[in-house]
Protein backbone atom coordinates (compact mmCIF):
# COMPACT_ATOMS: atom_id res chain seq x y z
CA MET A 1 -81.05 -31.49 6.50
CA VAL A 2 -78.63 -34.18 5.37
CA VAL A 3 -75.10 -33.04 6.34
CA HIS A 4 -73.32 -36.43 5.71
CA GLN A 5 -73.37 -39.50 3.53
CA VAL A 6 -72.66 -42.71 5.56
CA VAL A 7 -72.56 -46.42 3.59
CA GLY A 8 -73.11 -49.58 5.27
CA ILE A 9 -71.35 -52.44 2.92
CA GLY A 10 -71.51 -55.71 3.24
CA GLU A 11 -73.66 -58.44 3.96
CA ILE A 12 -77.40 -58.32 4.55
CA LEU A 13 -79.69 -61.51 6.00
CA TRP A 14 -82.45 -62.39 8.65
CA ASP A 15 -81.60 -63.82 11.99
CA VAL A 16 -83.59 -66.66 12.54
CA PHE A 17 -84.34 -67.44 16.33
CA PRO A 18 -86.66 -69.79 17.79
CA ASP A 19 -89.14 -67.52 17.61
CA GLY A 20 -88.61 -66.40 13.91
CA PRO A 21 -86.61 -64.49 11.92
CA ARG A 22 -85.76 -60.69 12.59
CA PHE A 23 -83.77 -58.51 10.19
CA GLY A 24 -80.03 -58.09 10.49
CA GLY A 25 -76.65 -58.12 9.12
CA ALA A 26 -73.89 -56.09 10.72
CA PRO A 27 -73.40 -53.98 8.01
CA ALA A 28 -77.73 -53.60 7.81
CA ASN A 29 -77.97 -53.10 11.60
CA PHE A 30 -75.23 -50.68 11.21
CA SER A 31 -77.32 -48.48 8.31
CA CYS A 32 -80.64 -48.78 10.31
CA SER A 33 -78.99 -47.70 13.35
CA THR A 34 -77.10 -44.61 11.72
CA SER A 35 -80.15 -43.42 10.09
CA GLU A 36 -82.55 -43.80 13.17
CA LEU A 37 -80.11 -41.93 15.72
CA SER A 38 -79.26 -39.35 13.26
CA ARG A 39 -82.68 -37.77 13.14
CA GLY A 40 -81.86 -37.10 9.64
CA ALA A 41 -78.46 -35.21 9.28
CA ALA A 42 -76.96 -38.75 7.55
CA GLY A 43 -77.98 -39.81 4.20
CA VAL A 44 -77.81 -43.39 4.87
CA LEU A 45 -77.22 -46.12 1.96
CA MET A 46 -77.41 -49.72 2.36
CA VAL A 47 -74.42 -51.53 -0.18
CA SER A 48 -75.07 -55.28 -0.50
CA ALA A 49 -77.44 -57.74 -2.18
CA VAL A 50 -80.78 -59.89 -1.94
CA GLY A 51 -82.39 -62.67 -3.22
CA GLU A 52 -85.44 -62.49 -5.61
CA ASP A 53 -87.55 -64.04 -2.77
CA GLU A 54 -89.70 -63.18 0.05
CA LEU A 55 -87.06 -62.24 2.49
CA GLY A 56 -85.50 -60.09 0.14
CA ARG A 57 -88.42 -58.08 -0.38
CA LYS A 58 -89.03 -58.16 3.26
CA ALA A 59 -85.32 -56.90 3.34
CA ILE A 60 -85.67 -53.99 1.08
CA GLU A 61 -88.91 -52.87 2.96
CA SER A 62 -87.51 -52.95 6.33
CA LEU A 63 -84.05 -50.90 5.37
CA LYS A 64 -86.66 -48.33 3.79
CA GLN A 65 -88.96 -48.22 7.00
CA ARG A 66 -85.70 -47.11 9.07
CA GLY A 67 -84.71 -44.39 6.25
CA VAL A 68 -82.02 -46.07 4.47
CA ASP A 69 -81.69 -45.65 0.90
CA THR A 70 -81.45 -49.08 -1.21
CA SER A 71 -81.41 -47.19 -4.64
CA VAL A 72 -78.07 -49.09 -5.42
CA LEU A 73 -79.38 -52.74 -3.05
CA GLN A 74 -78.34 -55.32 -5.78
CA VAL A 75 -81.28 -58.23 -6.56
CA ASN A 76 -79.69 -61.53 -7.89
CA GLN A 77 -80.68 -64.97 -7.96
CA HIS A 78 -79.52 -66.16 -5.04
CA ALA A 79 -81.54 -67.00 -1.84
CA THR A 80 -81.27 -63.91 0.73
CA GLY A 81 -78.91 -64.48 3.29
CA LYS A 82 -79.99 -66.59 6.60
CA VAL A 83 -78.02 -67.31 9.78
CA ASP A 84 -79.20 -69.32 12.83
CA VAL A 85 -78.72 -67.35 15.82
CA GLN A 86 -78.64 -69.13 19.44
CA LEU A 87 -78.65 -67.33 22.99
CA ASP A 88 -76.86 -68.26 25.95
CA ASP A 89 -77.67 -67.67 29.62
CA ASP A 90 -76.25 -64.11 29.32
CA GLY A 91 -77.36 -63.33 26.14
CA LYS A 92 -74.73 -63.63 24.23
CA ALA A 93 -75.40 -64.69 20.63
CA SER A 94 -73.52 -67.65 18.22
CA TYR A 95 -74.55 -67.88 14.88
CA HIS A 96 -74.34 -70.58 11.87
CA PHE A 97 -74.29 -68.89 8.27
CA ALA A 98 -76.24 -70.28 5.05
CA ASP A 99 -73.95 -71.07 2.18
CA ASP A 100 -73.61 -69.08 -0.88
CA SER A 101 -76.38 -66.25 -0.27
CA ALA A 102 -77.21 -63.38 -2.21
CA TRP A 103 -74.95 -61.15 -0.21
CA ASP A 104 -71.66 -63.37 -1.44
CA HIS A 105 -72.34 -62.10 -4.82
CA LEU A 106 -72.13 -58.23 -4.75
CA VAL A 107 -70.31 -57.07 -8.18
CA TRP A 108 -69.09 -53.71 -8.99
CA ASN A 109 -71.02 -51.32 -10.98
CA ASP A 110 -70.73 -47.58 -11.81
CA ALA A 111 -73.53 -46.79 -9.16
CA LEU A 112 -71.32 -47.68 -6.64
CA GLY A 113 -68.34 -45.80 -7.76
CA LYS A 114 -70.99 -42.83 -7.71
CA VAL A 115 -71.70 -43.28 -4.39
CA ALA A 116 -68.31 -43.97 -3.18
CA ALA A 117 -67.30 -41.22 -4.46
CA LYS A 118 -69.19 -38.84 -2.10
CA CYS A 119 -69.25 -41.07 0.75
CA ASP A 120 -68.30 -39.30 4.16
CA ALA A 121 -67.85 -42.75 6.32
CA VAL A 122 -68.30 -46.06 5.23
CA CYS A 123 -68.69 -49.68 7.69
CA PHE A 124 -67.25 -52.59 6.37
CA GLY A 125 -66.12 -56.27 8.04
CA THR A 126 -65.08 -59.18 7.36
CA LEU A 127 -67.68 -61.38 6.80
CA GLY A 128 -69.13 -59.77 4.22
CA GLN A 129 -65.58 -60.44 2.64
CA ARG A 130 -66.16 -64.66 2.66
CA SER A 131 -66.45 -64.93 -1.35
CA GLU A 132 -63.81 -63.52 -3.36
CA THR A 133 -66.39 -61.23 -5.67
CA SER A 134 -67.93 -59.70 -2.76
CA ARG A 135 -64.64 -59.07 -1.09
CA ARG A 136 -63.47 -57.68 -4.60
CA THR A 137 -65.97 -55.24 -4.60
CA ILE A 138 -65.84 -54.24 -0.96
CA ASN A 139 -62.16 -53.46 -1.53
CA GLN A 140 -62.74 -51.97 -4.50
CA PHE A 141 -66.02 -49.53 -2.99
CA ILE A 142 -63.53 -48.37 0.12
CA GLN A 143 -60.40 -47.63 -2.25
CA ALA A 144 -62.71 -45.42 -4.54
CA THR A 145 -64.07 -43.28 -1.43
CA PRO A 146 -62.10 -39.90 -0.80
CA GLU A 147 -58.88 -39.46 1.61
CA SER A 148 -61.12 -37.79 4.46
CA THR A 149 -63.98 -40.79 4.49
CA LEU A 150 -63.58 -42.13 7.71
CA ARG A 151 -63.17 -45.73 6.94
CA ILE A 152 -64.58 -47.91 9.63
CA LEU A 153 -63.46 -51.80 10.00
CA ASP A 154 -65.81 -53.64 12.18
CA VAL A 155 -63.99 -56.78 12.26
CA ASN A 156 -67.08 -58.64 13.12
CA LEU A 157 -65.17 -61.95 13.26
CA ARG A 158 -67.60 -65.00 12.58
CA GLU A 159 -65.77 -68.72 12.55
CA PRO A 160 -64.83 -69.98 9.69
CA PHE A 161 -65.02 -67.53 7.33
CA TYR A 162 -61.65 -65.25 8.23
CA ASP A 163 -58.34 -65.81 8.16
CA ASP A 164 -55.31 -63.43 8.44
CA SER A 165 -54.87 -62.14 5.23
CA VAL A 166 -58.39 -60.89 5.12
CA ILE A 167 -58.17 -59.00 8.46
CA GLN A 168 -54.60 -57.25 7.49
CA GLN A 169 -55.75 -56.43 4.62
CA SER A 170 -59.27 -54.98 5.68
CA LEU A 171 -56.95 -53.02 8.36
CA ALA A 172 -54.82 -51.86 5.61
CA LEU A 173 -57.62 -50.35 4.11
CA ALA A 174 -59.55 -48.69 7.12
CA ASN A 175 -58.86 -45.81 9.50
CA VAL A 176 -60.99 -46.52 12.14
CA LEU A 177 -61.48 -50.26 13.78
CA LYS A 178 -63.40 -51.31 16.12
CA LEU A 179 -63.77 -54.45 17.73
CA ASN A 180 -64.70 -56.36 20.97
CA ASP A 181 -62.64 -57.44 23.72
CA ASP A 182 -62.90 -61.42 22.23
CA GLU A 183 -60.91 -60.10 18.96
CA LEU A 184 -58.77 -58.10 20.20
CA PRO A 185 -56.12 -60.55 21.27
CA LEU A 186 -56.69 -62.46 17.95
CA LEU A 187 -55.43 -59.07 16.50
CA ALA A 188 -52.82 -58.72 19.15
CA ARG A 189 -51.19 -62.47 18.03
CA ILE A 190 -51.63 -61.57 14.24
CA ASN A 191 -49.82 -58.56 14.25
CA GLY A 192 -47.27 -59.35 17.17
CA LEU A 193 -48.16 -57.01 19.40
CA SER A 194 -48.19 -57.62 23.76
CA GLY A 195 -49.34 -55.50 26.30
CA ASP A 196 -52.89 -54.36 27.68
CA ASP A 197 -55.65 -53.53 25.58
CA VAL A 198 -54.71 -49.62 25.27
CA ASP A 199 -51.15 -50.46 24.69
CA VAL A 200 -51.90 -53.18 22.26
CA MET A 201 -55.16 -50.36 20.44
CA ARG A 202 -52.13 -47.93 20.37
CA GLN A 203 -49.85 -50.24 18.64
CA LEU A 204 -52.56 -51.10 15.71
CA ALA A 205 -53.27 -47.58 15.69
CA ALA A 206 -49.60 -46.72 14.85
CA ARG A 207 -48.82 -50.25 12.50
CA HIS A 208 -52.21 -49.57 10.34
CA GLN A 209 -52.65 -45.25 10.13
CA LEU A 210 -55.11 -45.86 12.12
CA ARG A 211 -57.31 -42.77 13.38
CA TYR A 212 -59.51 -44.42 16.07
CA VAL A 213 -59.51 -47.84 17.59
CA ALA A 214 -62.68 -48.73 19.03
CA LEU A 215 -63.13 -51.32 21.97
CA THR A 216 -66.15 -52.85 23.37
CA ARG A 217 -66.02 -54.71 26.79
CA GLY A 218 -69.72 -56.01 27.33
CA ALA A 219 -70.84 -54.83 30.48
CA ASP A 220 -67.10 -53.38 31.30
CA GLY A 221 -67.67 -50.75 28.95
CA ALA A 222 -65.80 -49.35 26.16
CA ALA A 223 -62.53 -47.63 24.69
CA ILE A 224 -61.26 -45.22 22.32
CA VAL A 225 -58.04 -43.97 21.76
CA SER A 226 -56.41 -41.63 18.83
CA ASP A 227 -53.01 -40.86 18.21
CA SER A 228 -53.08 -38.64 20.89
CA GLU A 229 -55.94 -39.20 23.42
CA VAL A 230 -57.70 -42.19 25.72
CA SER A 231 -61.13 -42.49 26.57
CA ASP A 232 -61.50 -45.75 29.02
CA LEU A 233 -65.58 -45.61 30.37
CA PRO A 234 -67.72 -47.90 32.28
CA GLY A 235 -70.57 -49.58 31.06
CA ILE A 236 -74.13 -48.58 32.36
CA PRO A 237 -75.55 -51.41 34.18
CA THR A 238 -78.41 -53.06 32.17
CA GLU A 239 -80.58 -56.02 32.32
CA VAL A 240 -79.53 -57.86 29.02
CA ALA A 241 -82.28 -59.19 26.82
CA ASP A 242 -79.61 -60.19 23.97
CA THR A 243 -76.87 -58.68 22.95
CA VAL A 244 -77.74 -58.83 18.54
CA GLY A 245 -76.61 -55.57 17.47
CA ALA A 246 -75.30 -53.77 20.58
CA GLY A 247 -71.86 -53.74 18.65
CA ASP A 248 -73.45 -52.72 15.27
CA ALA A 249 -75.24 -49.97 16.94
CA PHE A 250 -72.23 -48.79 18.95
CA THR A 251 -70.68 -48.25 15.97
CA ALA A 252 -73.48 -46.15 14.37
CA ALA A 253 -73.30 -43.96 16.90
CA ILE A 254 -69.29 -43.27 17.15
CA THR A 255 -69.30 -42.61 13.47
CA LEU A 256 -71.57 -39.81 14.18
CA GLY A 257 -69.84 -38.83 17.37
CA LEU A 258 -66.70 -38.58 14.88
CA LEU A 259 -68.35 -37.05 12.10
CA GLY A 260 -70.05 -34.39 14.26
CA GLY A 261 -66.36 -33.68 15.51
CA GLN A 262 -67.19 -34.48 19.23
CA ASP A 263 -64.62 -35.24 21.44
CA ILE A 264 -63.80 -39.11 21.95
CA ASP A 265 -65.23 -38.87 25.59
CA THR A 266 -68.09 -37.71 24.59
CA VAL A 267 -68.59 -40.02 21.41
CA ASN A 268 -67.64 -42.95 23.74
CA ARG A 269 -69.97 -42.10 26.22
CA ASN A 270 -72.74 -42.05 24.25
CA ALA A 271 -72.32 -44.86 21.77
CA ILE A 272 -71.72 -47.11 25.54
CA ALA A 273 -75.54 -45.48 26.44
CA VAL A 274 -76.97 -46.44 22.48
CA ALA A 275 -75.18 -50.24 23.24
CA SER A 276 -76.87 -50.57 26.40
CA TYR A 277 -80.09 -49.76 25.44
CA VAL A 278 -79.89 -51.93 22.49
CA CYS A 279 -78.58 -54.91 25.02
CA SER A 280 -81.93 -54.24 26.75
CA GLN A 281 -84.06 -55.08 23.88
CA SER A 282 -84.93 -57.91 21.93
CA GLY A 283 -83.40 -58.17 18.05
CA ALA A 284 -80.95 -55.71 16.50
CA THR A 285 -82.71 -53.32 14.99
CA MET A 286 -85.56 -51.39 17.31
CA THR A 287 -86.79 -47.57 17.26
CA PHE A 288 -84.21 -45.85 19.98
CA PRO A 289 -85.32 -43.17 22.60
CA ASP A 290 -85.28 -39.73 21.79
CA GLU A 291 -82.53 -38.97 24.64
CA LEU A 292 -80.34 -41.13 22.11
CA MET A 293 -80.77 -39.66 19.20
CA LYS A 294 -78.52 -36.82 17.64
CA PRO A 295 -79.76 -33.32 17.50
């Protein structure tokens, strides 16, 4: 039975590796992971745009295969998004994005307003806002969600597709922030903050009225802070295949945990386990083992 409605909004694209394309895009990865991990307890919708091309058709099919609702997904005349992905010796990814893709032309309509009004959680980032058109639509969608909605900003910084104003505007819309250990110093600088990781996370939460701030640190685990609690846990030793999609799966896991009312240590522990599993696999979207899936 569907208990919660969850939305991923932003880019849909194909990660082009040396061995061929794989379906991806942070909000799409998030949506697929949320659908899979929830075991049907979350109705997951993807809000984005694809082109009238083969990759667009395959993207829609990939989402449907993972149980993601594509009923409000837009199709336009622009090419479906692509990104060239290069992996270093540690499996860490770098990206080169195609310009003027279908997801840069996400437009507001009444259907999106109806989805937003019933949304229990929405995940968005900065990359999906690189065009003015999509930025306006994403902002309007977030603002149209109920006060109780988890508005999760997974900042997902990709040079050169962000600036300080987009980050700060996104923080103003969010009530949950997820970022990694490369992004935390940048947000600290923008906001004039200093201190250790947890200090900066607490300051970000206070300044931007965030319910939770979650920090991923790769092999060194993750931390989550709220206004009254801190969870700081080590990583799980993992033989890394690649890191693509690990952060998105972590975000999916914390979303489901928070919606389910779990304490933040449990949320963090489960999310670390999910991200560790993703790092052990090749590609951003995969099937999770039963022990990682939410009952």
